[in-house]
PDB file of all heavy atoms in Angstrom:
ATOM      1  N   ALA A   1     -59.582   8.629 -43.857  1.00  0.00           N
ATOM      2  CA  ALA A   1     -60.861   8.515 -44.580  1.00  0.00           C
ATOM      3  C   ALA A   1     -61.306   9.864 -45.118  1.00  0.00           C
ATOM      4  O   ALA A   1     -61.310  10.862 -44.397  1.00  0.00           O
ATOM      5  CB  ALA A   1     -61.931   7.949 -43.661  1.00  0.00           C
ATOM      6  N   PRO A   2     -61.730   9.930 -46.386  1.00  0.00           N
ATOM      7  CA  PRO A   2     -62.264  11.180 -46.933  1.00  0.00           C
ATOM      8  C   PRO A   2     -63.649  11.443 -46.355  1.00  0.00           C
ATOM      9  O   PRO A   2     -64.305  10.546 -45.813  1.00  0.00           O
ATOM     10  CB  PRO A   2     -62.327  10.904 -48.439  1.00  0.00           C
ATOM     11  CG  PRO A   2     -62.491   9.422 -48.537  1.00  0.00           C
ATOM     12  CD  PRO A   2     -61.696   8.856 -47.394  1.00  0.00           C
ATOM     13  N   SER A   3     -64.105  12.663 -46.484  1.00  0.00           N
ATOM     14  CA  SER A   3     -65.393  13.040 -45.904  1.00  0.00           C
ATOM     15  C   SER A   3     -66.553  12.225 -46.472  1.00  0.00           C
ATOM     16  O   SER A   3     -67.508  11.907 -45.761  1.00  0.00           O
ATOM     17  CB  SER A   3     -65.654  14.533 -46.130  1.00  0.00           C
ATOM     18  OG  SER A   3     -65.674  14.837 -47.521  1.00  0.00           O
ATOM     19  N   THR A   4     -66.469  11.853 -47.754  1.00  0.00           N
ATOM     20  CA  THR A   4     -67.556  11.085 -48.369  1.00  0.00           C
ATOM     21  C   THR A   4     -67.746   9.738 -47.668  1.00  0.00           C
ATOM     22  O   THR A   4     -68.882   9.284 -47.466  1.00  0.00           O
ATOM     23  CB  THR A   4     -67.287  10.852 -49.861  1.00  0.00           C
ATOM     24  OG1 THR A   4     -65.959  10.306 -50.024  1.00  0.00           O
ATOM     25  CG2 THR A   4     -67.385  12.151 -50.633  1.00  0.00           C
ATOM     26  N   ASP A   5     -66.646   9.108 -47.287  1.00  0.00           N
ATOM     27  CA  ASP A   5     -66.728   7.817 -46.599  1.00  0.00           C
ATOM     28  C   ASP A   5     -67.253   7.987 -45.181  1.00  0.00           C
ATOM     29  O   ASP A   5     -68.010   7.151 -44.681  1.00  0.00           O
ATOM     30  CB  ASP A   5     -65.358   7.144 -46.574  1.00  0.00           C
ATOM     31  CG  ASP A   5     -64.956   6.602 -47.943  1.00  0.00           C
ATOM     32  OD1 ASP A   5     -65.681   6.868 -48.921  1.00  0.00           O
ATOM     33  OD2 ASP A   5     -63.923   5.930 -48.043  1.00  0.00           O
ATOM     34  N   LEU A   6     -66.849   9.062 -44.519  1.00  0.00           N
ATOM     35  CA  LEU A   6     -67.331   9.316 -43.157  1.00  0.00           C
ATOM     36  C   LEU A   6     -68.826   9.620 -43.171  1.00  0.00           C
ATOM     37  O   LEU A   6     -69.573   9.190 -42.277  1.00  0.00           O
ATOM     38  CB  LEU A   6     -66.565  10.477 -42.531  1.00  0.00           C
ATOM     39  CG  LEU A   6     -65.074  10.230 -42.278  1.00  0.00           C
ATOM     40  CD1 LEU A   6     -64.421  11.493 -41.724  1.00  0.00           C
ATOM     41  CD2 LEU A   6     -64.869   9.070 -41.303  1.00  0.00           C
ATOM     42  N   LYS A   7     -69.273  10.358 -44.178  1.00  0.00           N
ATOM     43  CA  LYS A   7     -70.701  10.661 -44.289  1.00  0.00           C
ATOM     44  C   LYS A   7     -71.499   9.376 -44.493  1.00  0.00           C
ATOM     45  O   LYS A   7     -72.606   9.217 -43.963  1.00  0.00           O
ATOM     46  CB  LYS A   7     -70.937  11.633 -45.452  1.00  0.00           C
ATOM     47  CG  LYS A   7     -70.385  13.041 -45.216  1.00  0.00           C
ATOM     48  CD  LYS A   7     -70.547  13.908 -46.464  1.00  0.00           C
ATOM     49  CE  LYS A   7     -69.916  15.276 -46.275  1.00  0.00           C
ATOM     50  NZ  LYS A   7     -70.662  16.109 -45.304  1.00  0.00           N
ATOM     51  N   ALA A   8     -70.937   8.441 -45.267  1.00  0.00           N
ATOM     52  CA  ALA A   8     -71.608   7.167 -45.489  1.00  0.00           C
ATOM     53  C   ALA A   8     -71.676   6.363 -44.190  1.00  0.00           C
ATOM     54  O   ALA A   8     -72.702   5.756 -43.871  1.00  0.00           O
ATOM     55  CB  ALA A   8     -70.877   6.369 -46.566  1.00  0.00           C
ATOM     56  N   LEU A   9     -70.594   6.367 -43.423  1.00  0.00           N
ATOM     57  CA  LEU A   9     -70.575   5.642 -42.147  1.00  0.00           C
ATOM     58  C   LEU A   9     -71.569   6.241 -41.155  1.00  0.00           C
ATOM     59  O   LEU A   9     -72.131   5.523 -40.329  1.00  0.00           O
ATOM     60  CB  LEU A   9     -69.171   5.679 -41.543  1.00  0.00           C
ATOM     61  CG  LEU A   9     -68.114   4.766 -42.174  1.00  0.00           C
ATOM     62  CD1 LEU A   9     -66.755   4.991 -41.496  1.00  0.00           C
ATOM     63  CD2 LEU A   9     -68.525   3.300 -42.056  1.00  0.00           C
ATOM     64  N   SER A  10     -71.787   7.549 -41.243  1.00  0.00           N
ATOM     65  CA  SER A  10     -72.692   8.197 -40.301  1.00  0.00           C
ATOM     66  C   SER A  10     -74.117   7.666 -40.443  1.00  0.00           C
ATOM     67  O   SER A  10     -74.891   7.682 -39.484  1.00  0.00           O
ATOM     68  CB  SER A  10     -72.678   9.717 -40.497  1.00  0.00           C
ATOM     69  OG  SER A  10     -73.339  10.087 -41.704  1.00  0.00           O
ATOM     70  N   LYS A  11     -74.454   7.173 -41.617  1.00  0.00           N
ATOM     71  CA  LYS A  11     -75.794   6.638 -41.839  1.00  0.00           C
ATOM     72  C   LYS A  11     -75.972   5.270 -41.177  1.00  0.00           C
ATOM     73  O   LYS A  11     -77.096   4.811 -40.990  1.00  0.00           O
ATOM     74  CB  LYS A  11     -76.065   6.530 -43.341  1.00  0.00           C
ATOM     75  CG  LYS A  11     -76.031   7.879 -44.059  1.00  0.00           C
ATOM     76  CD  LYS A  11     -76.235   7.712 -45.555  1.00  0.00           C
ATOM     77  CE  LYS A  11     -76.162   9.055 -46.275  1.00  0.00           C
ATOM     78  NZ  LYS A  11     -76.321   8.922 -47.745  1.00  0.00           N
ATOM     79  N   ASP A  12     -74.835   4.631 -40.846  1.00  0.00           N
ATOM     80  CA  ASP A  12     -74.884   3.306 -40.217  1.00  0.00           C
ATOM     81  C   ASP A  12     -74.823   3.372 -38.696  1.00  0.00           C
ATOM     82  O   ASP A  12     -74.846   2.331 -38.038  1.00  0.00           O
ATOM     83  CB  ASP A  12     -73.723   2.432 -40.733  1.00  0.00           C
ATOM     84  CG  ASP A  12     -73.844   2.132 -42.218  1.00  0.00           C
ATOM     85  OD1 ASP A  12     -74.943   1.754 -42.645  1.00  0.00           O
ATOM     86  OD2 ASP A  12     -72.849   2.284 -42.937  1.00  0.00           O
ATOM     87  N   ARG A  13     -74.714   4.605 -38.157  1.00  0.00           N
ATOM     88  CA  ARG A  13     -74.675   4.791 -36.696  1.00  0.00           C
ATOM     89  C   ARG A  13     -73.688   3.809 -36.067  1.00  0.00           C
ATOM     90  O   ARG A  13     -74.064   2.880 -35.327  1.00  0.00           O
ATOM     91  CB  ARG A  13     -76.068   4.635 -36.089  1.00  0.00           C
ATOM     92  CG  ARG A  13     -77.081   5.592 -36.679  1.00  0.00           C
ATOM     93  CD  ARG A  13     -78.400   5.577 -35.940  1.00  0.00           C
ATOM     94  NE  ARG A  13     -78.239   6.091 -34.583  1.00  0.00           N
ATOM     95  CZ  ARG A  13     -78.261   7.377 -34.268  1.00  0.00           C
ATOM     96  NH1 ARG A  13     -78.413   8.294 -35.212  1.00  0.00           N
ATOM     97  NH2 ARG A  13     -78.124   7.760 -33.021  1.00  0.00           N
ATOM     98  N   VAL A  14     -72.421   4.024 -36.336  1.00  0.00           N
ATOM     99  CA  VAL A  14     -71.373   3.074 -35.948  1.00  0.00           C
ATOM    100  C   VAL A  14     -70.922   3.223 -34.495  1.00  0.00           C
ATOM    101  O   VAL A  14     -70.089   2.455 -34.024  1.00  0.00           O
ATOM    102  CB  VAL A  14     -70.147   3.227 -36.873  1.00  0.00           C
ATOM    103  CG1 VAL A  14     -70.502   2.804 -38.280  1.00  0.00           C
ATOM    104  CG2 VAL A  14     -69.621   4.671 -36.867  1.00  0.00           C
ATOM    105  N   ASN A  15     -71.452   4.225 -33.771  1.00  0.00           N
ATOM    106  CA  ASN A  15     -71.054   4.446 -32.377  1.00  0.00           C
ATOM    107  C   ASN A  15     -69.527   4.590 -32.255  1.00  0.00           C
ATOM    108  O   ASN A  15     -68.874   3.906 -31.463  1.00  0.00           O
ATOM    109  CB  ASN A  15     -71.548   3.303 -31.478  1.00  0.00           C
ATOM    110  CG  ASN A  15     -73.058   3.246 -31.397  1.00  0.00           C
ATOM    111  OD1 ASN A  15     -73.736   4.275 -31.364  1.00  0.00           O
ATOM    112  ND2 ASN A  15     -73.603   2.041 -31.392  1.00  0.00           N
ATOM    113  N   MET A  16     -68.991   5.480 -33.066  1.00  0.00           N
ATOM    114  CA  MET A  16     -67.546   5.719 -33.081  1.00  0.00           C
ATOM    115  C   MET A  16     -67.059   6.217 -31.724  1.00  0.00           C
ATOM    116  O   MET A  16     -67.679   7.085 -31.113  1.00  0.00           O
ATOM    117  CB  MET A  16     -67.207   6.757 -34.168  1.00  0.00           C
ATOM    118  CG  MET A  16     -65.729   7.096 -34.297  1.00  0.00           C
ATOM    119  SD  MET A  16     -65.422   8.359 -35.581  1.00  0.00           S
ATOM    120  CE  MET A  16     -65.729   7.395 -37.065  1.00  0.00           C
ATOM    121  N   LYS A  17     -65.955   5.669 -31.264  1.00  0.00           N
ATOM    122  CA  LYS A  17     -65.369   6.118 -30.010  1.00  0.00           C
ATOM    123  C   LYS A  17     -64.762   7.506 -30.188  1.00  0.00           C
ATOM    124  O   LYS A  17     -64.295   7.861 -31.273  1.00  0.00           O
ATOM    125  CB  LYS A  17     -64.296   5.135 -29.538  1.00  0.00           C
ATOM    126  CG  LYS A  17     -64.829   3.756 -29.173  1.00  0.00           C
ATOM    127  CD  LYS A  17     -63.711   2.845 -28.712  1.00  0.00           C
ATOM    128  CE  LYS A  17     -64.239   1.467 -28.334  1.00  0.00           C
ATOM    129  NZ  LYS A  17     -63.145   0.548 -27.916  1.00  0.00           N
ATOM    130  N   MET A  18     -64.735   8.270 -29.119  1.00  0.00           N
ATOM    131  CA  MET A  18     -64.209   9.628 -29.206  1.00  0.00           C
ATOM    132  C   MET A  18     -62.725   9.624 -29.575  1.00  0.00           C
ATOM    133  O   MET A  18     -62.255  10.509 -30.291  1.00  0.00           O
ATOM    134  CB  MET A  18     -64.406  10.340 -27.859  1.00  0.00           C
ATOM    135  CG  MET A  18     -64.306  11.848 -27.951  1.00  0.00           C
ATOM    136  SD  MET A  18     -65.654  12.516 -28.971  1.00  0.00           S
ATOM    137  CE  MET A  18     -64.951  14.098 -29.430  1.00  0.00           C
ATOM    138  N   SER A  19     -61.984   8.635 -29.126  1.00  0.00           N
ATOM    139  CA  SER A  19     -60.556   8.550 -29.453  1.00  0.00           C
ATOM    140  C   SER A  19     -60.356   8.403 -30.962  1.00  0.00           C
ATOM    141  O   SER A  19     -59.403   8.955 -31.526  1.00  0.00           O
ATOM    142  CB  SER A  19     -59.911   7.369 -28.717  1.00  0.00           C
ATOM    143  OG  SER A  19     -60.577   6.153 -29.024  1.00  0.00           O
ATOM    144  N   THR A  20     -61.253   7.680 -31.618  1.00  0.00           N
ATOM    145  CA  THR A  20     -61.186   7.532 -33.080  1.00  0.00           C
ATOM    146  C   THR A  20     -61.605   8.825 -33.762  1.00  0.00           C
ATOM    147  O   THR A  20     -60.980   9.263 -34.730  1.00  0.00           O
ATOM    148  CB  THR A  20     -62.095   6.389 -33.546  1.00  0.00           C
ATOM    149  OG1 THR A  20     -61.698   5.168 -32.902  1.00  0.00           O
ATOM    150  CG2 THR A  20     -62.027   6.204 -35.050  1.00  0.00           C
ATOM    151  N   PHE A  21     -62.652   9.446 -33.249  1.00  0.00           N
ATOM    152  CA  PHE A  21     -63.162  10.697 -33.822  1.00  0.00           C
ATOM    153  C   PHE A  21     -62.084  11.781 -33.828  1.00  0.00           C
ATOM    154  O   PHE A  21     -61.949  12.529 -34.802  1.00  0.00           O
ATOM    155  CB  PHE A  21     -64.368  11.163 -33.016  1.00  0.00           C
ATOM    156  CG  PHE A  21     -65.016  12.415 -33.542  1.00  0.00           C
ATOM    157  CD1 PHE A  21     -65.902  12.363 -34.612  1.00  0.00           C
ATOM    158  CD2 PHE A  21     -64.755  13.651 -32.962  1.00  0.00           C
ATOM    159  CE1 PHE A  21     -66.502  13.519 -35.100  1.00  0.00           C
ATOM    160  CE2 PHE A  21     -65.347  14.810 -33.448  1.00  0.00           C
ATOM    161  CZ  PHE A  21     -66.228  14.734 -34.520  1.00  0.00           C
ATOM    162  N   LEU A  22     -61.306  11.864 -32.763  1.00  0.00           N
ATOM    163  CA  LEU A  22     -60.280  12.896 -32.646  1.00  0.00           C
ATOM    164  C   LEU A  22     -59.112  12.668 -33.605  1.00  0.00           C
ATOM    165  O   LEU A  22     -58.317  13.576 -33.838  1.00  0.00           O
ATOM    166  CB  LEU A  22     -59.756  12.954 -31.209  1.00  0.00           C
ATOM    167  CG  LEU A  22     -60.773  13.403 -30.156  1.00  0.00           C
ATOM    168  CD1 LEU A  22     -60.190  13.265 -28.753  1.00  0.00           C
ATOM    169  CD2 LEU A  22     -61.217  14.839 -30.411  1.00  0.00           C
ATOM    170  N   GLN A  23     -59.003  11.458 -34.156  1.00  0.00           N
ATOM    171  CA  GLN A  23     -57.930  11.144 -35.081  1.00  0.00           C
ATOM    172  C   GLN A  23     -58.327  11.349 -36.545  1.00  0.00           C
ATOM    173  O   GLN A  23     -57.508  11.165 -37.443  1.00  0.00           O
ATOM    174  CB  GLN A  23     -57.476   9.688 -34.885  1.00  0.00           C
ATOM    175  CG  GLN A  23     -56.807   9.404 -33.550  1.00  0.00           C
ATOM    176  CD  GLN A  23     -55.507  10.162 -33.378  1.00  0.00           C
ATOM    177  OE1 GLN A  23     -54.793  10.427 -34.357  1.00  0.00           O
ATOM    178  NE2 GLN A  23     -55.175  10.510 -32.149  1.00  0.00           N
ATOM    179  N   LEU A  24     -59.574  11.736 -36.785  1.00  0.00           N
ATOM    180  CA  LEU A  24     -60.013  11.944 -38.164  1.00  0.00           C
ATOM    181  C   LEU A  24     -59.237  13.090 -38.805  1.00  0.00           C
ATOM    182  O   LEU A  24     -58.815  14.032 -38.125  1.00  0.00           O
ATOM    183  CB  LEU A  24     -61.510  12.265 -38.201  1.00  0.00           C
ATOM    184  CG  LEU A  24     -62.458  11.177 -37.686  1.00  0.00           C
ATOM    185  CD1 LEU A  24     -63.902  11.664 -37.767  1.00  0.00           C
ATOM    186  CD2 LEU A  24     -62.285   9.878 -38.446  1.00  0.00           C
ATOM    187  N   GLY A  25     -59.058  13.024 -40.110  1.00  0.00           N
ATOM    188  CA  GLY A  25     -58.372  14.098 -40.820  1.00  0.00           C
ATOM    189  C   GLY A  25     -59.101  15.415 -40.642  1.00  0.00           C
ATOM    190  O   GLY A  25     -60.340  15.447 -40.672  1.00  0.00           O
ATOM    191  N   ARG A  26     -58.366  16.491 -40.473  1.00  0.00           N
ATOM    192  CA  ARG A  26     -58.973  17.785 -40.199  1.00  0.00           C
ATOM    193  C   ARG A  26     -59.945  18.214 -41.301  1.00  0.00           C
ATOM    194  O   ARG A  26     -61.058  18.642 -41.035  1.00  0.00           O
ATOM    195  CB  ARG A  26     -57.882  18.841 -40.021  1.00  0.00           C
ATOM    196  CG  ARG A  26     -58.435  20.247 -39.758  1.00  0.00           C
ATOM    197  CD  ARG A  26     -57.314  21.268 -39.614  1.00  0.00           C
ATOM    198  NE  ARG A  26     -57.860  22.602 -39.499  1.00  0.00           N
ATOM    199  CZ  ARG A  26     -58.302  23.154 -38.366  1.00  0.00           C
ATOM    200  NH1 ARG A  26     -58.256  22.451 -37.253  1.00  0.00           N
ATOM    201  NH2 ARG A  26     -58.780  24.387 -38.328  1.00  0.00           N
ATOM    202  N   ASP A  27     -59.516  18.095 -42.551  1.00  0.00           N
ATOM    203  CA  ASP A  27     -60.376  18.528 -43.658  1.00  0.00           C
ATOM    204  C   ASP A  27     -61.663  17.704 -43.699  1.00  0.00           C
ATOM    205  O   ASP A  27     -62.747  18.238 -43.963  1.00  0.00           O
ATOM    206  CB  ASP A  27     -59.630  18.396 -44.988  1.00  0.00           C
ATOM    207  CG  ASP A  27     -58.514  19.423 -45.127  1.00  0.00           C
ATOM    208  OD1 ASP A  27     -58.510  20.398 -44.344  1.00  0.00           O
ATOM    209  OD2 ASP A  27     -57.647  19.243 -46.000  1.00  0.00           O
ATOM    210  N   SER A  28     -61.536  16.408 -43.449  1.00  0.00           N
ATOM    211  CA  SER A  28     -62.714  15.541 -43.464  1.00  0.00           C
ATOM    212  C   SER A  28     -63.658  15.902 -42.329  1.00  0.00           C
ATOM    213  O   SER A  28     -64.880  15.960 -42.506  1.00  0.00           O
ATOM    214  CB  SER A  28     -62.292  14.074 -43.357  1.00  0.00           C
ATOM    215  OG  SER A  28     -61.518  13.681 -44.476  1.00  0.00           O
ATOM    216  N   LEU A  29     -63.096  16.160 -41.153  1.00  0.00           N
ATOM    217  CA  LEU A  29     -63.908  16.499 -39.984  1.00  0.00           C
ATOM    218  C   LEU A  29     -64.666  17.805 -40.204  1.00  0.00           C
ATOM    219  O   LEU A  29     -65.854  17.912 -39.887  1.00  0.00           O
ATOM    220  CB  LEU A  29     -63.022  16.613 -38.747  1.00  0.00           C
ATOM    221  CG  LEU A  29     -63.691  17.121 -37.466  1.00  0.00           C
ATOM    222  CD1 LEU A  29     -64.832  16.188 -37.054  1.00  0.00           C
ATOM    223  CD2 LEU A  29     -62.674  17.249 -36.341  1.00  0.00           C
ATOM    224  N   MET A  30     -63.992  18.809 -40.755  1.00  0.00           N
ATOM    225  CA  MET A  30     -64.601  20.116 -40.928  1.00  0.00           C
ATOM    226  C   MET A  30     -65.772  20.103 -41.906  1.00  0.00           C
ATOM    227  O   MET A  30     -66.621  20.994 -41.881  1.00  0.00           O
ATOM    228  CB  MET A  30     -63.551  21.130 -41.401  1.00  0.00           C
ATOM    229  CG  MET A  30     -62.512  21.457 -40.358  1.00  0.00           C
ATOM    230  SD  MET A  30     -63.230  22.120 -38.840  1.00  0.00           S
ATOM    231  CE  MET A  30     -61.851  21.926 -37.707  1.00  0.00           C
ATOM    232  N   SER A  31     -65.838  19.102 -42.756  1.00  0.00           N
ATOM    233  CA  SER A  31     -66.922  19.045 -43.741  1.00  0.00           C
ATOM    234  C   SER A  31     -68.163  18.335 -43.207  1.00  0.00           C
ATOM    235  O   SER A  31     -69.188  18.292 -43.898  1.00  0.00           O
ATOM    236  CB  SER A  31     -66.435  18.332 -45.008  1.00  0.00           C
ATOM    237  OG  SER A  31     -66.218  16.962 -44.746  1.00  0.00           O
ATOM    238  N   LEU A  32     -68.093  17.793 -41.992  1.00  0.00           N
ATOM    239  CA  LEU A  32     -69.225  17.063 -41.429  1.00  0.00           C
ATOM    240  C   LEU A  32     -70.219  18.014 -40.771  1.00  0.00           C
ATOM    241  O   LEU A  32     -69.839  18.982 -40.117  1.00  0.00           O
ATOM    242  CB  LEU A  32     -68.734  16.053 -40.392  1.00  0.00           C
ATOM    243  CG  LEU A  32     -67.800  14.951 -40.886  1.00  0.00           C
ATOM    244  CD1 LEU A  32     -67.349  14.079 -39.717  1.00  0.00           C
ATOM    245  CD2 LEU A  32     -68.477  14.106 -41.959  1.00  0.00           C
ATOM    246  N   THR A  33     -71.484  17.732 -40.938  1.00  0.00           N
ATOM    247  CA  THR A  33     -72.531  18.505 -40.282  1.00  0.00           C
ATOM    248  C   THR A  33     -72.794  17.935 -38.892  1.00  0.00           C
ATOM    249  O   THR A  33     -72.401  16.803 -38.591  1.00  0.00           O
ATOM    250  CB  THR A  33     -73.839  18.438 -41.093  1.00  0.00           C
ATOM    251  OG1 THR A  33     -74.319  17.076 -41.070  1.00  0.00           O
ATOM    252  CG2 THR A  33     -73.610  18.858 -42.538  1.00  0.00           C
ATOM    253  N   PRO A  34     -73.446  18.687 -38.010  1.00  0.00           N
ATOM    254  CA  PRO A  34     -73.794  18.158 -36.695  1.00  0.00           C
ATOM    255  C   PRO A  34     -74.591  16.864 -36.776  1.00  0.00           C
ATOM    256  O   PRO A  34     -74.367  15.944 -35.986  1.00  0.00           O
ATOM    257  CB  PRO A  34     -74.606  19.298 -36.072  1.00  0.00           C
ATOM    258  CG  PRO A  34     -74.021  20.531 -36.672  1.00  0.00           C
ATOM    259  CD  PRO A  34     -73.736  20.143 -38.093  1.00  0.00           C
ATOM    260  N   ALA A  35     -75.511  16.776 -37.719  1.00  0.00           N
ATOM    261  CA  ALA A  35     -76.310  15.556 -37.863  1.00  0.00           C
ATOM    262  C   ALA A  35     -75.426  14.369 -38.241  1.00  0.00           C
ATOM    263  O   ALA A  35     -75.633  13.243 -37.754  1.00  0.00           O
ATOM    264  CB  ALA A  35     -77.391  15.767 -38.917  1.00  0.00           C
ATOM    265  N   GLU A  36     -74.429  14.604 -39.087  1.00  0.00           N
ATOM    266  CA  GLU A  36     -73.528  13.525 -39.496  1.00  0.00           C
ATOM    267  C   GLU A  36     -72.617  13.106 -38.354  1.00  0.00           C
ATOM    268  O   GLU A  36     -72.312  11.920 -38.190  1.00  0.00           O
ATOM    269  CB  GLU A  36     -72.718  13.969 -40.716  1.00  0.00           C
ATOM    270  CG  GLU A  36     -73.569  14.055 -41.978  1.00  0.00           C
ATOM    271  CD  GLU A  36     -72.909  14.828 -43.090  1.00  0.00           C
ATOM    272  OE1 GLU A  36     -71.917  15.554 -42.840  1.00  0.00           O
ATOM    273  OE2 GLU A  36     -73.389  14.710 -44.244  1.00  0.00           O
ATOM    274  N   VAL A  37     -72.164  14.068 -37.558  1.00  0.00           N
ATOM    275  CA  VAL A  37     -71.354  13.747 -36.385  1.00  0.00           C
ATOM    276  C   VAL A  37     -72.169  12.913 -35.392  1.00  0.00           C
ATOM    277  O   VAL A  37     -71.674  11.956 -34.796  1.00  0.00           O
ATOM    278  CB  VAL A  37     -70.830  15.030 -35.706  1.00  0.00           C
ATOM    279  CG1 VAL A  37     -70.254  14.721 -34.325  1.00  0.00           C
ATOM    280  CG2 VAL A  37     -69.767  15.682 -36.588  1.00  0.00           C
ATOM    281  N   LYS A  38     -73.425  13.270 -35.247  1.00  0.00           N
ATOM    282  CA  LYS A  38     -74.314  12.499 -34.376  1.00  0.00           C
ATOM    283  C   LYS A  38     -74.443  11.065 -34.882  1.00  0.00           C
ATOM    284  O   LYS A  38     -74.432  10.110 -34.091  1.00  0.00           O
ATOM    285  CB  LYS A  38     -75.687  13.162 -34.313  1.00  0.00           C
ATOM    286  CG  LYS A  38     -76.681  12.427 -33.425  1.00  0.00           C
ATOM    287  CD  LYS A  38     -78.036  13.144 -33.394  1.00  0.00           C
ATOM    288  CE  LYS A  38     -79.018  12.405 -32.494  1.00  0.00           C
ATOM    289  NZ  LYS A  38     -80.341  13.113 -32.431  1.00  0.00           N
ATOM    290  N   GLY A  39     -74.547  10.911 -36.199  1.00  0.00           N
ATOM    291  CA  GLY A  39     -74.641   9.583 -36.776  1.00  0.00           C
ATOM    292  C   GLY A  39     -73.391   8.757 -36.547  1.00  0.00           C
ATOM    293  O   GLY A  39     -73.463   7.548 -36.343  1.00  0.00           O
ATOM    294  N   LEU A  40     -72.232   9.413 -36.584  1.00  0.00           N
ATOM    295  CA  LEU A  40     -70.971   8.703 -36.355  1.00  0.00           C
ATOM    296  C   LEU A  40     -70.800   8.298 -34.892  1.00  0.00           C
ATOM    297  O   LEU A  40     -70.467   7.146 -34.590  1.00  0.00           O
ATOM    298  CB  LEU A  40     -69.790   9.580 -36.776  1.00  0.00           C
ATOM    299  CG  LEU A  40     -69.505   9.736 -38.269  1.00  0.00           C
ATOM    300  CD1 LEU A  40     -68.374  10.725 -38.489  1.00  0.00           C
ATOM    301  CD2 LEU A  40     -69.139   8.386 -38.892  1.00  0.00           C
TER     302      LEU A  40
END
């Protein structure tokens, strides 16, 4: 998933599991803010 899609998902508070979070693409992960990570 590109960062734009992850940022959109963060607004839906999807309660992403940590195992899924650790599999995110590095570039996409690095572009997320703390608030967006909290949303995910």
